[in-house]
Amino acid sequence: MDGLVIVGKWEFVGEQVHGAKDRGAEGRSAKDRSGQSRGGEARGAEGRSAEGEASYNRRWVMGLVVGPLLLGALAAAWIFSVADRLPTELASHWNSKNEVDGYMSVTGTALMAFLFGGGLGALMAPLAPMLRAQSVLFARIGVGFGLAFGVAMTALAVAVVAGQLDLADVSHAEISGPVMAVGIAAAFVVGCVATWLYRPGEVDRTQSSEAAATNAAAGQDHTDLGRQGRERASRGETLHLRVSMGAWKWCLSLGVGLIVAVSTYFIFPGLALLGVVVVGFIWVFCQGTAVIGPDGVKVLASGFWKVMPLNWQEINSAEVQEIKAMDYGGWGYRMGGGSVGFIMGNGPALVMKGGFHETWVISMPNLELAGEAAALVNAYIHAEKMKS
């Protein structure tokens, strides 16, 4: 049996996702990019154009990363500045009886202030703008919550240290109440202000002219793409398409793992090892190989974990669409709402329809390969119908 392996790579640029192969973007006019196909220029909130909306959200994401990290760095710098007034080992954990049962060095405490305060805020807040695909309101609330969380956690780290200034016996250490109160108040104000200031526009889901043309060609027998699909199916070829989140897989897996590790550490230090397990589990589903052949369709996450096994009796049709990851619940292997997806990000995807409103979605490296995949799927579906 013939086999065909095609390797694709994702490159994330702002809100757009580009494959390694040319999608023909040079031929797309500014009119198409800004949504003129709907009868008017697509605009976000405050009258922003499509390009302006993308730039607006990029600036916010940059600020949501830099802001919490800068705050965490300032907290760490303050801890080092008062190191001569602190004991060698600081109390870092209290049990249910409010007794000190964990200690940490001044350097470790400063590092924790940076990672636990600024780091978590810088991880959580920038994810919120991605919720725009589901709800603009959720995105605004998420920005406010993420920043408030980062400020509150930084304040907690500072309050832990402030409560031990000039303290001789750390076994009696307590978190500084006044510092914590000010920190919570500041977090509330920052969260409310950020929620009020962040005004994104609705996500434009208009399919580009290239996507529409590729989808039409993949669904017709008389096109070059359709004929190519039928010829491959007649020879029993198997198409392998490798997809990945690229560098973002490390950001996602390490970020979530860090959150789990830090959060569980303060419950019980040994539980922090769960963060390592989480990193490995998420990383597996951040890349994979879509396999389309005579027996059906499947995805091998990281090349070995089989998900989405489908036979040709289950699939009614295949389409090419430019998708938004949050429409399917995010990135990775997603299930819910009658759809199952292996989503690597925003961009071209193979969308297969089944009975009872079932939908299966597999991200593709680029529109060209998405068209080849859809044409081959449609050809195998036709061949299966001819057997019956």
Foldseek 3Di string as FASTA:
>chain_A
DAEAEDEWEWDDDQQDIAIPDDLCVVPFDPCLVQPCVVVDGNAFPPRHTPVRLSVLLVVLLVCQQVVLLVLLLVLLVVLVVLVVQFDQWAQDAADPVRWGDDIDGSNVLSVCLNCVQSVQLNLFQSCLVLCLQPPPLSSLLSNLLSQLRSLLRNLQSSQSRVQGGNNDDNRPGDGRPVSNVVSNVVSNVSSVVSSVPDGHGHDDFDFGPSQVVLQVQLQDCVHPLLVVLLVCQVVFYKYKYKYALPPVLQVVLLSVLSVQLVVVCNVPVVSSCVSVVSSVVSSQQRIWMWMQTLQGIWIDRVDHNIDDGDGLLFFDAKGKGFDAQVVQPHAGFGDDDQETESHNGTTIWIWTAGPPRHIYIYDHSHSVVSSNVRSNSSSSNVVVVVVD
